[in-house]
């Protein structure tokens, strides 16, 4: 009666992804990074009159010219995040549906209405693994960009080095 029973861990089955929750979470992570980029642009006195990403290339150029390793790390993360912007656009304007194949595998389909008659944005079929990977990358990038920018904003020395020189006022 006092013999110990073997303990066998239960297999961990991943919960199926709920499509709209997945979509919302991915877009939220993209927005977190976009908001932080906008804050950095404002801190560097870059105009953001057309939205926080209107000066993204200029911000990347400023970071690329910096010799600070934190600026370089932020630039690398922004470039990776930037490479996923077409997916963000697709997801932000897509309708979603779930389909199953004959083997019972579940897929998420994102359908995109064309912007004009020349738009060839394809519908996309996502496996659960692809959904989890995009969510992981978007989470990591969004959080990392926000954290790195928060740290840069607290470092006045680096911020002053990044700030572009103001044009000299012309005297008459």
N, C-alpha and C. Protein backbone atom coordinates (compact mmCIF):
# COMPACT_ATOMS: atom_id res chain seq x y z
N UNK A 1 0.81 -1.19 0.00
CA UNK A 1 0.00 0.00 0.00
C UNK A 1 0.86 1.26 0.00
N UNK A 2 2.07 1.15 0.45
CA UNK A 2 2.92 2.35 0.48
C UNK A 2 3.82 2.43 -0.75
N UNK A 3 3.60 1.60 -1.74
CA UNK A 3 4.40 1.65 -2.96
C UNK A 3 4.06 2.93 -3.74
N UNK A 4 5.11 3.56 -4.26
CA UNK A 4 4.90 4.79 -5.00
C UNK A 4 4.45 4.50 -6.44
N UNK A 5 3.51 5.27 -6.87
CA UNK A 5 3.02 5.12 -8.23
C UNK A 5 3.87 5.99 -9.15
N UNK A 6 4.17 5.49 -10.33
CA UNK A 6 4.95 6.32 -11.26
C UNK A 6 4.12 7.52 -11.73
N UNK A 7 4.78 8.64 -11.82
CA UNK A 7 4.12 9.85 -12.29
C UNK A 7 4.55 10.09 -13.73
N UNK A 8 3.59 10.09 -14.59
CA UNK A 8 3.85 10.31 -16.01
C UNK A 8 3.20 11.63 -16.39
N UNK A 9 4.01 12.57 -16.88
CA UNK A 9 3.42 13.86 -17.25
C UNK A 9 2.45 13.68 -18.42
N UNK A 10 1.38 14.41 -18.33
CA UNK A 10 0.38 14.36 -19.40
C UNK A 10 0.96 15.05 -20.64
N UNK A 11 0.69 14.51 -21.80
CA UNK A 11 1.17 15.18 -23.01
C UNK A 11 0.55 16.58 -23.12
N UNK A 12 1.38 17.52 -23.48
CA UNK A 12 0.88 18.89 -23.60
C UNK A 12 0.38 19.12 -25.01
N UNK A 13 -0.91 19.23 -25.12
CA UNK A 13 -1.52 19.52 -26.41
C UNK A 13 -1.75 21.02 -26.49
N UNK A 14 -1.31 21.61 -27.56
CA UNK A 14 -1.50 23.05 -27.73
C UNK A 14 -2.97 23.32 -27.99
N UNK A 15 -3.45 24.35 -27.34
CA UNK A 15 -4.83 24.75 -27.56
C UNK A 15 -4.96 25.27 -28.99
N UNK A 16 -6.04 24.96 -29.64
CA UNK A 16 -6.21 25.50 -31.00
C UNK A 16 -6.29 27.03 -30.95
N UNK A 17 -5.79 27.63 -31.98
CA UNK A 17 -5.78 29.08 -32.07
C UNK A 17 -7.17 29.57 -32.46
N UNK A 18 -7.65 30.55 -31.71
CA UNK A 18 -8.91 31.19 -32.07
C UNK A 18 -8.54 32.30 -33.06
N UNK A 19 -9.04 32.27 -34.27
CA UNK A 19 -8.56 33.17 -35.33
C UNK A 19 -8.62 34.66 -35.00
N UNK A 20 -9.72 35.12 -34.46
CA UNK A 20 -9.85 36.56 -34.20
C UNK A 20 -8.99 37.00 -33.02
N UNK A 21 -8.81 36.12 -32.05
CA UNK A 21 -7.90 36.42 -30.95
C UNK A 21 -6.47 36.52 -31.47
N UNK A 22 -6.08 35.56 -32.32
CA UNK A 22 -4.74 35.57 -32.93
C UNK A 22 -4.53 36.86 -33.71
N UNK A 23 -5.49 37.20 -34.54
CA UNK A 23 -5.39 38.41 -35.36
C UNK A 23 -5.24 39.65 -34.48
N UNK A 24 -6.06 39.76 -33.47
CA UNK A 24 -6.00 40.91 -32.58
C UNK A 24 -4.68 41.01 -31.83
N UNK A 25 -4.18 39.88 -31.37
CA UNK A 25 -2.92 39.88 -30.64
C UNK A 25 -1.74 40.25 -31.55
N UNK A 26 -1.71 39.72 -32.75
CA UNK A 26 -0.63 40.05 -33.69
C UNK A 26 -0.65 41.54 -34.01
N UNK A 27 -1.83 42.08 -34.32
CA UNK A 27 -1.93 43.50 -34.65
C UNK A 27 -1.60 44.39 -33.45
N UNK A 28 -1.94 43.93 -32.24
CA UNK A 28 -1.60 44.69 -31.04
C UNK A 28 -0.09 44.78 -30.86
N UNK A 29 0.61 43.68 -31.12
CA UNK A 29 2.08 43.69 -30.99
C UNK A 29 2.71 44.60 -32.04
N UNK A 30 2.17 44.61 -33.24
CA UNK A 30 2.66 45.53 -34.26
C UNK A 30 2.42 46.98 -33.82
N UNK A 31 1.24 47.24 -33.26
CA UNK A 31 0.90 48.59 -32.81
C UNK A 31 1.78 49.04 -31.66
N UNK A 32 2.17 48.12 -30.79
CA UNK A 32 3.07 48.46 -29.68
C UNK A 32 4.38 49.01 -30.21
N UNK A 33 4.94 48.34 -31.20
CA UNK A 33 6.19 48.81 -31.80
C UNK A 33 5.97 50.14 -32.53
N UNK A 34 4.88 50.26 -33.25
CA UNK A 34 4.61 51.49 -33.99
C UNK A 34 4.47 52.67 -33.05
N UNK A 35 3.81 52.48 -31.94
CA UNK A 35 3.64 53.55 -30.96
C UNK A 35 4.99 53.98 -30.39
N UNK A 36 5.83 53.01 -30.06
CA UNK A 36 7.16 53.32 -29.51
C UNK A 36 8.01 54.06 -30.54
N UNK A 37 7.94 53.65 -31.80
CA UNK A 37 8.68 54.32 -32.87
C UNK A 37 8.20 55.77 -32.99
N UNK A 38 6.92 55.98 -32.89
CA UNK A 38 6.37 57.34 -32.91
C UNK A 38 6.89 58.18 -31.75
N UNK A 39 6.99 57.59 -30.56
CA UNK A 39 7.52 58.31 -29.40
C UNK A 39 8.97 58.71 -29.63
N UNK A 40 9.76 57.82 -30.23
CA UNK A 40 11.15 58.14 -30.50
C UNK A 40 11.25 59.25 -31.55
N UNK A 41 10.41 59.19 -32.56
CA UNK A 41 10.41 60.25 -33.58
C UNK A 41 10.09 61.60 -32.95
N UNK A 42 9.13 61.63 -32.06
CA UNK A 42 8.77 62.88 -31.39
C UNK A 42 9.92 63.37 -30.52
N UNK A 43 10.56 62.44 -29.80
CA UNK A 43 11.69 62.81 -28.95
C UNK A 43 12.86 63.36 -29.77
N UNK A 44 12.99 62.90 -31.00
CA UNK A 44 14.07 63.38 -31.88
C UNK A 44 13.63 64.57 -32.73
N UNK A 45 12.47 65.10 -32.44
CA UNK A 45 11.92 66.25 -33.16
C UNK A 45 11.71 65.99 -34.65
N UNK A 46 11.39 64.75 -34.98
CA UNK A 46 11.04 64.42 -36.36
C UNK A 46 9.53 64.60 -36.50
N UNK A 47 9.07 65.32 -37.51
CA UNK A 47 7.63 65.53 -37.65
C UNK A 47 6.91 64.22 -37.95
N UNK A 48 5.78 64.03 -37.31
CA UNK A 48 4.99 62.82 -37.53
C UNK A 48 3.59 63.22 -37.99
N UNK A 49 3.53 64.21 -38.86
CA UNK A 49 2.25 64.74 -39.31
C UNK A 49 1.42 63.73 -40.09
N UNK A 50 2.04 62.73 -40.66
CA UNK A 50 1.29 61.71 -41.41
C UNK A 50 1.31 60.38 -40.69
N UNK A 51 1.51 60.39 -39.39
CA UNK A 51 1.51 59.17 -38.60
C UNK A 51 2.91 58.82 -38.12
N UNK A 52 2.99 57.92 -37.14
CA UNK A 52 4.28 57.61 -36.53
C UNK A 52 5.28 56.96 -37.48
N UNK A 53 4.80 56.38 -38.56
CA UNK A 53 5.73 55.71 -39.47
C UNK A 53 6.09 56.56 -40.68
N UNK A 54 5.62 57.81 -40.71
CA UNK A 54 5.91 58.67 -41.86
C UNK A 54 7.39 59.02 -41.94
N UNK A 55 8.11 58.92 -40.84
CA UNK A 55 9.54 59.23 -40.81
C UNK A 55 10.38 58.00 -40.48
N UNK A 56 9.85 56.83 -40.76
CA UNK A 56 10.55 55.60 -40.40
C UNK A 56 11.90 55.48 -41.09
N UNK A 57 11.97 55.80 -42.37
CA UNK A 57 13.24 55.70 -43.08
C UNK A 57 14.26 56.69 -42.53
N UNK A 58 13.79 57.90 -42.23
CA UNK A 58 14.68 58.92 -41.67
C UNK A 58 15.19 58.46 -40.29
N UNK A 59 14.31 57.88 -39.49
CA UNK A 59 14.72 57.36 -38.18
C UNK A 59 15.75 56.25 -38.35
N UNK A 60 15.54 55.34 -39.29
CA UNK A 60 16.50 54.27 -39.53
C UNK A 60 17.84 54.83 -39.98
N UNK A 61 17.82 55.87 -40.80
CA UNK A 61 19.08 56.50 -41.23
C UNK A 61 19.82 57.10 -40.04
N UNK A 62 19.09 57.74 -39.14
CA UNK A 62 19.71 58.33 -37.94
C UNK A 62 20.32 57.23 -37.08
N UNK A 63 19.58 56.15 -36.88
CA UNK A 63 20.10 55.04 -36.07
C UNK A 63 21.32 54.40 -36.73
N UNK A 64 21.30 54.29 -38.07
CA UNK A 64 22.42 53.69 -38.79
C UNK A 64 23.69 54.52 -38.66
N UNK A 65 23.57 55.84 -38.59
CA UNK A 65 24.74 56.72 -38.46
C UNK A 65 25.32 56.69 -37.04
N UNK A 66 24.53 56.26 -36.08
CA UNK A 66 24.99 56.25 -34.69
C UNK A 66 26.00 55.14 -34.46
N UNK A 67 26.98 55.42 -33.62
CA UNK A 67 27.96 54.39 -33.27
C UNK A 67 27.58 53.66 -31.98
N UNK A 68 26.49 54.09 -31.36
CA UNK A 68 26.04 53.47 -30.11
C UNK A 68 25.48 52.07 -30.40
N UNK A 69 25.91 51.10 -29.64
CA UNK A 69 25.48 49.70 -29.87
C UNK A 69 23.99 49.52 -29.64
N UNK A 70 23.42 50.30 -28.72
CA UNK A 70 21.97 50.19 -28.46
C UNK A 70 21.19 50.70 -29.66
N UNK A 71 21.68 51.73 -30.29
CA UNK A 71 21.02 52.25 -31.50
C UNK A 71 21.10 51.23 -32.63
N UNK A 72 22.25 50.57 -32.74
CA UNK A 72 22.41 49.55 -33.77
C UNK A 72 21.50 48.35 -33.52
N UNK A 73 21.38 47.96 -32.25
CA UNK A 73 20.49 46.84 -31.90
C UNK A 73 19.04 47.20 -32.21
N UNK A 74 18.67 48.43 -31.89
CA UNK A 74 17.30 48.89 -32.19
C UNK A 74 17.07 48.91 -33.70
N UNK A 75 18.05 49.37 -34.45
CA UNK A 75 17.92 49.40 -35.91
C UNK A 75 17.70 47.99 -36.47
N UNK A 76 18.47 47.02 -35.98
CA UNK A 76 18.31 45.63 -36.46
C UNK A 76 16.90 45.12 -36.15
N UNK A 77 16.40 45.43 -34.97
CA UNK A 77 15.06 44.96 -34.59
C UNK A 77 13.99 45.65 -35.42
N UNK A 78 14.17 46.94 -35.65
CA UNK A 78 13.19 47.67 -36.48
C UNK A 78 13.20 47.13 -37.90
N UNK A 79 14.38 46.82 -38.43
CA UNK A 79 14.45 46.27 -39.78
C UNK A 79 13.74 44.92 -39.87
N UNK A 80 13.89 44.08 -38.87
CA UNK A 80 13.17 42.80 -38.88
C UNK A 80 11.67 43.03 -38.79
N UNK A 81 11.27 43.93 -37.89
CA UNK A 81 9.85 44.27 -37.74
C UNK A 81 9.31 44.85 -39.04
N UNK A 82 10.12 45.68 -39.67
CA UNK A 82 9.72 46.32 -40.92
C UNK A 82 9.51 45.30 -42.04
N UNK A 83 10.30 44.23 -42.02
CA UNK A 83 10.15 43.21 -43.06
C UNK A 83 8.80 42.50 -42.98
N UNK A 84 8.14 42.58 -41.82
CA UNK A 84 6.84 41.93 -41.65
C UNK A 84 5.67 42.88 -41.91
N UNK A 85 5.96 44.13 -42.28
CA UNK A 85 4.89 45.09 -42.50
C UNK A 85 3.89 44.67 -43.58
N UNK A 86 4.31 44.00 -44.65
CA UNK A 86 3.29 43.54 -45.61
C UNK A 86 2.30 42.56 -44.97
N UNK A 87 2.78 41.73 -44.05
CA UNK A 87 1.85 40.83 -43.36
C UNK A 87 0.91 41.61 -42.45
N UNK A 88 1.43 42.65 -41.80
CA UNK A 88 0.58 43.48 -40.96
C UNK A 88 -0.51 44.11 -41.80
N UNK A 89 -0.13 44.61 -42.97
CA UNK A 89 -1.11 45.22 -43.86
C UNK A 89 -2.16 44.19 -44.28
N UNK A 90 -1.69 43.02 -44.65
CA UNK A 90 -2.61 41.95 -45.05
C UNK A 90 -3.59 41.64 -43.93
N UNK A 91 -3.08 41.46 -42.71
CA UNK A 91 -3.94 41.09 -41.58
C UNK A 91 -4.88 42.23 -41.18
N UNK A 92 -4.41 43.46 -41.29
CA UNK A 92 -5.25 44.59 -40.90
C UNK A 92 -6.45 44.77 -41.82
N UNK A 93 -6.35 44.28 -43.05
CA UNK A 93 -7.42 44.49 -44.03
C UNK A 93 -8.04 43.18 -44.50
N UNK A 94 -7.82 42.12 -43.77
CA UNK A 94 -8.30 40.81 -44.23
C UNK A 94 -9.57 40.39 -43.51
N UNK A 95 -10.32 39.56 -44.17
CA UNK A 95 -11.40 38.83 -43.49
C UNK A 95 -10.84 37.44 -43.20
N UNK A 96 -11.34 36.83 -42.16
CA UNK A 96 -10.76 35.57 -41.70
C UNK A 96 -11.83 34.48 -41.67
N UNK A 97 -11.39 33.30 -42.01
CA UNK A 97 -12.25 32.13 -41.88
C UNK A 97 -11.40 30.92 -41.53
N UNK A 98 -12.01 29.94 -40.94
CA UNK A 98 -11.32 28.71 -40.57
C UNK A 98 -11.81 27.59 -41.48
N UNK A 99 -10.88 26.78 -41.97
CA UNK A 99 -11.23 25.64 -42.81
C UNK A 99 -10.49 24.41 -42.29
N UNK A 100 -11.00 23.24 -42.65
CA UNK A 100 -10.38 21.98 -42.27
C UNK A 100 -10.15 21.16 -43.53
N UNK A 101 -9.04 20.42 -43.55
CA UNK A 101 -8.82 19.53 -44.68
C UNK A 101 -9.42 18.16 -44.36
N UNK A 102 -9.29 17.22 -45.29
CA UNK A 102 -9.90 15.91 -45.11
C UNK A 102 -9.28 15.13 -43.95
N UNK A 103 -8.05 15.47 -43.58
CA UNK A 103 -7.40 14.80 -42.45
C UNK A 103 -7.78 15.42 -41.12
N UNK A 104 -8.60 16.49 -41.14
CA UNK A 104 -9.02 17.14 -39.91
C UNK A 104 -8.09 18.25 -39.45
N UNK A 105 -7.07 18.56 -40.24
CA UNK A 105 -6.17 19.66 -39.88
C UNK A 105 -6.89 20.99 -40.08
N UNK A 106 -6.65 21.89 -39.16
CA UNK A 106 -7.32 23.18 -39.19
C UNK A 106 -6.39 24.25 -39.75
N UNK A 107 -6.93 25.13 -40.57
CA UNK A 107 -6.17 26.22 -41.17
C UNK A 107 -6.97 27.52 -41.01
N UNK A 108 -6.25 28.61 -41.00
CA UNK A 108 -6.89 29.92 -41.00
C UNK A 108 -6.63 30.53 -42.37
N UNK A 109 -7.68 31.01 -42.98
CA UNK A 109 -7.57 31.65 -44.30
C UNK A 109 -7.81 33.15 -44.12
N UNK A 110 -6.87 33.95 -44.61
CA UNK A 110 -7.07 35.40 -44.64
C UNK A 110 -7.36 35.79 -46.07
N UNK A 111 -8.48 36.45 -46.25
CA UNK A 111 -8.90 36.90 -47.59
C UNK A 111 -8.80 38.41 -47.62
N UNK A 112 -8.30 38.91 -48.70
CA UNK A 112 -8.05 40.34 -48.82
C UNK A 112 -8.75 40.89 -50.04
N UNK A 113 -9.56 41.90 -49.85
CA UNK A 113 -10.19 42.54 -51.00
C UNK A 113 -9.14 43.41 -51.69
N UNK A 114 -9.11 43.41 -53.00
CA UNK A 114 -8.10 44.21 -53.71
C UNK A 114 -8.29 45.70 -53.47
N UNK A 115 -7.17 46.41 -53.38
CA UNK A 115 -7.23 47.86 -53.21
C UNK A 115 -7.70 48.55 -54.49
N UNK A 116 -7.29 48.00 -55.62
CA UNK A 116 -7.72 48.51 -56.92
C UNK A 116 -7.66 47.34 -57.89
N UNK A 117 -7.91 47.60 -59.14
CA UNK A 117 -7.96 46.47 -60.09
C UNK A 117 -6.59 45.87 -60.37
N UNK A 118 -5.50 46.54 -59.96
CA UNK A 118 -4.16 46.02 -60.17
C UNK A 118 -3.59 45.31 -58.94
N UNK A 119 -4.31 45.37 -57.83
CA UNK A 119 -3.83 44.76 -56.59
C UNK A 119 -3.93 43.24 -56.71
N UNK A 120 -2.82 42.58 -56.48
CA UNK A 120 -2.79 41.12 -56.59
C UNK A 120 -2.48 40.48 -55.23
N UNK A 121 -2.88 41.15 -54.15
CA UNK A 121 -2.64 40.59 -52.82
C UNK A 121 -3.37 39.25 -52.72
N UNK A 122 -2.62 38.19 -52.50
CA UNK A 122 -3.26 36.87 -52.51
C UNK A 122 -3.94 36.55 -51.19
N UNK A 123 -4.89 35.64 -51.28
CA UNK A 123 -5.43 35.06 -50.05
C UNK A 123 -4.31 34.22 -49.45
N UNK A 124 -4.35 34.02 -48.16
CA UNK A 124 -3.27 33.29 -47.50
C UNK A 124 -3.87 32.20 -46.63
N UNK A 125 -3.28 31.02 -46.70
CA UNK A 125 -3.66 29.88 -45.88
C UNK A 125 -2.60 29.71 -44.80
N UNK A 126 -2.99 29.80 -43.54
CA UNK A 126 -2.07 29.74 -42.40
C UNK A 126 -2.25 28.43 -41.65
N UNK A 127 -1.16 27.74 -41.41
CA UNK A 127 -1.22 26.58 -40.52
C UNK A 127 -1.17 27.10 -39.08
N UNK A 128 -1.53 26.26 -38.14
CA UNK A 128 -1.47 26.66 -36.73
C UNK A 128 -0.03 26.99 -36.35
N UNK A 129 0.93 26.25 -36.88
CA UNK A 129 2.34 26.50 -36.56
C UNK A 129 2.77 27.87 -37.10
N UNK A 130 2.33 28.23 -38.30
CA UNK A 130 2.66 29.55 -38.86
C UNK A 130 2.02 30.66 -38.03
N UNK A 131 0.81 30.43 -37.58
CA UNK A 131 0.13 31.43 -36.73
C UNK A 131 0.89 31.63 -35.43
N UNK A 132 1.29 30.54 -34.81
CA UNK A 132 2.03 30.63 -33.54
C UNK A 132 3.38 31.33 -33.76
N UNK A 133 4.04 31.03 -34.86
CA UNK A 133 5.35 31.64 -35.14
C UNK A 133 5.21 33.14 -35.39
N UNK A 134 4.23 33.55 -36.17
CA UNK A 134 4.02 34.98 -36.42
C UNK A 134 3.67 35.69 -35.11
N UNK A 135 2.86 35.08 -34.29
CA UNK A 135 2.51 35.68 -33.00
C UNK A 135 3.75 35.80 -32.12
N UNK A 136 4.60 34.80 -32.12
CA UNK A 136 5.82 34.83 -31.31
C UNK A 136 6.75 35.94 -31.78
N UNK A 137 6.96 36.03 -33.09
CA UNK A 137 7.86 37.05 -33.64
C UNK A 137 7.29 38.45 -33.41
N UNK A 138 6.00 38.63 -33.65
CA UNK A 138 5.38 39.94 -33.44
C UNK A 138 5.45 40.35 -31.97
N UNK A 139 5.24 39.40 -31.07
CA UNK A 139 5.33 39.68 -29.64
C UNK A 139 6.76 40.09 -29.27
N UNK A 140 7.73 39.30 -29.71
CA UNK A 140 9.13 39.60 -29.40
C UNK A 140 9.55 40.96 -29.97
N UNK A 141 9.22 41.21 -31.22
CA UNK A 141 9.61 42.47 -31.85
C UNK A 141 8.92 43.66 -31.20
N UNK A 142 7.62 43.56 -30.99
CA UNK A 142 6.89 44.67 -30.39
C UNK A 142 7.41 45.01 -29.01
N UNK A 143 7.59 43.99 -28.19
CA UNK A 143 8.08 44.20 -26.82
C UNK A 143 9.51 44.71 -26.84
N UNK A 144 10.37 44.13 -27.68
CA UNK A 144 11.77 44.51 -27.73
C UNK A 144 11.94 45.94 -28.22
N UNK A 145 11.22 46.32 -29.27
CA UNK A 145 11.32 47.68 -29.78
C UNK A 145 10.85 48.68 -28.73
N UNK A 146 9.73 48.38 -28.08
CA UNK A 146 9.22 49.28 -27.05
C UNK A 146 10.20 49.40 -25.88
N UNK A 147 10.78 48.29 -25.46
CA UNK A 147 11.74 48.31 -24.35
C UNK A 147 13.02 49.07 -24.73
N UNK A 148 13.53 48.80 -25.92
CA UNK A 148 14.76 49.47 -26.36
C UNK A 148 14.54 50.97 -26.51
N UNK A 149 13.41 51.36 -27.04
CA UNK A 149 13.13 52.79 -27.19
C UNK A 149 12.93 53.44 -25.83
N UNK A 150 12.25 52.77 -24.92
CA UNK A 150 12.09 53.32 -23.57
C UNK A 150 13.46 53.54 -22.93
N UNK A 151 14.37 52.60 -23.10
CA UNK A 151 15.72 52.76 -22.55
C UNK A 151 16.47 53.90 -23.22
N UNK A 152 16.33 54.03 -24.55
CA UNK A 152 16.99 55.15 -25.25
C UNK A 152 16.44 56.49 -24.79
N UNK A 153 15.13 56.57 -24.57
CA UNK A 153 14.52 57.82 -24.15
C UNK A 153 14.97 58.24 -22.76
N UNK A 154 15.40 57.28 -21.97
CA UNK A 154 15.88 57.59 -20.62
C UNK A 154 17.36 57.99 -20.62
N UNK A 155 18.06 57.75 -21.72
CA UNK A 155 19.48 58.07 -21.82
C UNK A 155 19.64 59.37 -22.61
N UNK A 156 19.73 60.47 -21.90
CA UNK A 156 19.78 61.79 -22.54
C UNK A 156 21.02 61.98 -23.42
N UNK A 157 22.12 61.34 -23.06
CA UNK A 157 23.35 61.47 -23.85
C UNK A 157 23.17 60.87 -25.25
N UNK A 158 22.67 59.65 -25.29
CA UNK A 158 22.45 58.99 -26.59
C UNK A 158 21.38 59.73 -27.37
N UNK A 159 20.33 60.16 -26.68
CA UNK A 159 19.25 60.88 -27.35
C UNK A 159 19.78 62.17 -27.99
N UNK A 160 20.66 62.89 -27.28
CA UNK A 160 21.24 64.12 -27.84
C UNK A 160 22.11 63.82 -29.05
N UNK A 161 22.82 62.69 -29.03
CA UNK A 161 23.66 62.31 -30.17
C UNK A 161 22.80 61.94 -31.38
N UNK A 162 21.64 61.34 -31.14
CA UNK A 162 20.77 60.93 -32.24
C UNK A 162 20.01 62.09 -32.85
N UNK A 163 19.73 63.10 -32.05
CA UNK A 163 18.91 64.22 -32.51
C UNK A 163 19.60 64.93 -33.67
N UNK A 164 18.90 65.06 -34.79
CA UNK A 164 19.51 65.75 -35.93
C UNK A 164 19.72 67.22 -35.59
N UNK A 165 20.78 67.83 -36.14
CA UNK A 165 21.03 69.25 -35.84
C UNK A 165 19.90 70.11 -36.39
N UNK A 166 19.56 71.12 -35.63
CA UNK A 166 18.51 72.03 -36.09
C UNK A 166 19.10 73.01 -37.09
N UNK A 167 18.36 73.30 -38.13
CA UNK A 167 18.89 74.25 -39.13
C UNK A 167 19.08 75.62 -38.48
N UNK A 168 20.17 76.28 -38.83
CA UNK A 168 20.46 77.60 -38.27
C UNK A 168 19.43 78.61 -38.73
N UNK A 169 19.01 79.41 -37.82
CA UNK A 169 18.03 80.44 -38.17
C UNK A 169 18.72 81.50 -39.01
N UNK A 170 18.09 81.86 -40.09
CA UNK A 170 18.70 82.85 -40.98
C UNK A 170 18.45 84.25 -40.43
N UNK A 171 19.52 85.00 -40.31
CA UNK A 171 19.40 86.37 -39.79
C UNK A 171 19.37 87.37 -40.92
N UNK A 172 18.67 88.47 -40.71
CA UNK A 172 18.56 89.46 -41.80
C UNK A 172 19.38 90.66 -41.53
